[in-house]
Amino acid sequence: MTERTTVRLPPDLLARAKRRAAEEGRTLTALIEDGLRRVVSNRPETSRRKRRLPRISKAKSGTLPGIDLTDISSLEEIADIDLLSRN
């Protein structure tokens, strides 16, 4: 059994929805129903990526072996490699 309800929409959105329904050869009700079904059935998409923590040494102090903090070009290369691995 279907129920009637009142929905208030901005005029521009309503006009676009009516045009889309007409282009697809279906009713506005069917268009709205499909949209609502998609929204309520899917889990919300998370745009967050898993946070990556910086590499650290397990030793008492300092960086990982092979990382020389006085060599700028080495540090830039490590940052570039890390950036590329994220993409």
C-alpha atoms as a PDB file:
ATOM      1  CA  MET A   1       0.000   0.000   0.000  1.00  0.00           C
ATOM      2  CA  THR A   2       1.359   3.414  -0.871  1.00  0.00           C
ATOM      3  CA  GLU A   3       0.838   6.568   1.135  1.00  0.00           C
ATOM      4  CA  ARG A   4       0.534  10.167   0.090  1.00  0.00           C
ATOM      5  CA  THR A   5       2.786  12.790   1.587  1.00  0.00           C
ATOM      6  CA  THR A   6       3.736  16.392   1.000  1.00  0.00           C
ATOM      7  CA  VAL A   7       7.322  17.266   0.215  1.00  0.00           C
ATOM      8  CA  ARG A   8       8.581  20.813  -0.059  1.00  0.00           C
ATOM      9  CA  LEU A   9      11.312  21.259  -2.660  1.00  0.00           C
ATOM     10  CA  PRO A  10      13.082  24.308  -4.044  1.00  0.00           C
ATOM     11  CA  PRO A  11      11.500  25.331  -7.370  1.00  0.00           C
ATOM     12  CA  ASP A  12      14.693  24.808  -9.384  1.00  0.00           C
ATOM     13  CA  LEU A  13      15.182  21.281  -7.998  1.00  0.00           C
ATOM     14  CA  LEU A  14      11.566  20.373  -8.672  1.00  0.00           C
ATOM     15  CA  ALA A  15      11.831  21.642 -12.258  1.00  0.00           C
ATOM     16  CA  ARG A  16      15.017  19.624 -12.846  1.00  0.00           C
ATOM     17  CA  ALA A  17      13.412  16.502 -11.343  1.00  0.00           C
ATOM     18  CA  LYS A  18      10.333  16.880 -13.558  1.00  0.00           C
ATOM     19  CA  ARG A  19      12.536  17.269 -16.643  1.00  0.00           C
ATOM     20  CA  ARG A  20      14.570  14.187 -15.705  1.00  0.00           C
ATOM     21  CA  ALA A  21      11.422  12.124 -15.125  1.00  0.00           C
ATOM     22  CA  ALA A  22      10.023  13.221 -18.502  1.00  0.00           C
ATOM     23  CA  GLU A  23      13.318  12.440 -20.267  1.00  0.00           C
ATOM     24  CA  GLU A  24      13.264   8.953 -18.762  1.00  0.00           C
ATOM     25  CA  GLY A  25       9.571   8.470 -19.529  1.00  0.00           C
ATOM     26  CA  ARG A  26       8.465   7.953 -15.956  1.00  0.00           C
ATOM     27  CA  THR A  27       6.592   9.786 -13.251  1.00  0.00           C
ATOM     28  CA  LEU A  28       8.037  12.232 -10.773  1.00  0.00           C
ATOM     29  CA  THR A  29       6.877   9.872  -8.016  1.00  0.00           C
ATOM     30  CA  ALA A  30       8.922   7.014  -9.504  1.00  0.00           C
ATOM     31  CA  LEU A  31      11.994   9.249  -9.747  1.00  0.00           C
ATOM     32  CA  ILE A  32      11.683  10.382  -6.132  1.00  0.00           C
ATOM     33  CA  GLU A  33      11.032   6.819  -4.968  1.00  0.00           C
ATOM     34  CA  ASP A  34      14.183   5.531  -6.696  1.00  0.00           C
ATOM     35  CA  GLY A  35      16.260   8.336  -5.193  1.00  0.00           C
ATOM     36  CA  LEU A  36      14.966   7.677  -1.691  1.00  0.00           C
ATOM     37  CA  ARG A  37      15.584   3.941  -2.050  1.00  0.00           C
ATOM     38  CA  ARG A  38      19.210   4.626  -2.969  1.00  0.00           C
ATOM     39  CA  VAL A  39      19.722   6.934  -0.031  1.00  0.00           C
ATOM     40  CA  VAL A  40      18.163   4.693   2.610  1.00  0.00           C
ATOM     41  CA  SER A  41      19.570   1.381   1.347  1.00  0.00           C
ATOM     42  CA  ASN A  42      23.250   2.275   0.953  1.00  0.00           C
ATOM     43  CA  ARG A  43      25.716   2.880   3.697  1.00  0.00           C
ATOM     44  CA  PRO A  44      27.011   6.428   3.632  1.00  0.00           C
ATOM     45  CA  GLU A  45      30.146   6.716   1.589  1.00  0.00           C
ATOM     46  CA  THR A  46      33.133   7.778   3.593  1.00  0.00           C
ATOM     47  CA  SER A  47      35.453  10.125   1.860  1.00  0.00           C
ATOM     48  CA  ARG A  48      38.042   9.740   4.557  1.00  0.00           C
ATOM     49  CA  ARG A  49      41.047   7.672   3.747  1.00  0.00           C
ATOM     50  CA  LYS A  50      42.675   5.528   6.358  1.00  0.00           C
ATOM     51  CA  ARG A  51      45.094   7.707   8.257  1.00  0.00           C
ATOM     52  CA  ARG A  52      48.724   6.764   7.768  1.00  0.00           C
ATOM     53  CA  LEU A  53      51.080   7.469  10.596  1.00  0.00           C
ATOM     54  CA  PRO A  54      54.658   8.482   9.843  1.00  0.00           C
ATOM     55  CA  ARG A  55      57.326   5.825  10.010  1.00  0.00           C
ATOM     56  CA  ILE A  56      59.165   5.838  13.292  1.00  0.00           C
ATOM     57  CA  SER A  57      61.976   3.880  14.807  1.00  0.00           C
ATOM     58  CA  LYS A  58      61.262   1.304  17.475  1.00  0.00           C
ATOM     59  CA  ALA A  59      64.598   2.197  19.056  1.00  0.00           C
ATOM     60  CA  LYS A  60      64.776   4.480  22.060  1.00  0.00           C
ATOM     61  CA  SER A  61      65.284   7.546  19.899  1.00  0.00           C
ATOM     62  CA  GLY A  62      66.022   8.727  16.385  1.00  0.00           C
ATOM     63  CA  THR A  63      64.751   7.895  12.953  1.00  0.00           C
ATOM     64  CA  LEU A  64      64.695   4.644  11.054  1.00  0.00           C
ATOM     65  CA  PRO A  65      68.065   3.346   9.873  1.00  0.00           C
ATOM     66  CA  GLY A  66      69.161   4.893   6.589  1.00  0.00           C
ATOM     67  CA  ILE A  67      67.423   8.237   7.098  1.00  0.00           C
ATOM     68  CA  ASP A  68      69.878  11.092   7.319  1.00  0.00           C
ATOM     69  CA  LEU A  69      68.211  14.243   8.621  1.00  0.00           C
ATOM     70  CA  THR A  70      71.093  16.399   7.404  1.00  0.00           C
ATOM     71  CA  ASP A  71      70.602  15.362   3.750  1.00  0.00           C
ATOM     72  CA  ILE A  72      67.759  17.472   2.333  1.00  0.00           C
ATOM     73  CA  SER A  73      67.610  15.628  -1.005  1.00  0.00           C
ATOM     74  CA  SER A  74      67.174  12.321   0.836  1.00  0.00           C
ATOM     75  CA  LEU A  75      64.321  13.726   2.884  1.00  0.00           C
ATOM     76  CA  GLU A  76      62.611  15.120  -0.231  1.00  0.00           C
ATOM     77  CA  GLU A  77      62.978  11.751  -1.965  1.00  0.00           C
ATOM     78  CA  ILE A  78      61.388   9.976   1.022  1.00  0.00           C
ATOM     79  CA  ALA A  79      58.517  12.486   1.030  1.00  0.00           C
ATOM     80  CA  ASP A  80      58.014  11.982  -2.735  1.00  0.00           C
ATOM     81  CA  ILE A  81      57.968   8.200  -2.381  1.00  0.00           C
ATOM     82  CA  ASP A  82      55.492   8.456   0.481  1.00  0.00           C
ATOM     83  CA  LEU A  83      53.251  10.796  -1.537  1.00  0.00           C
ATOM     84  CA  LEU A  84      53.313   8.479  -4.562  1.00  0.00           C
ATOM     85  CA  SER A  85      52.467   5.447  -2.429  1.00  0.00           C
ATOM     86  CA  ARG A  86      49.308   7.208  -1.172  1.00  0.00           C
ATOM     87  CA  ASN A  87      47.953   7.710  -4.697  1.00  0.00           C
END
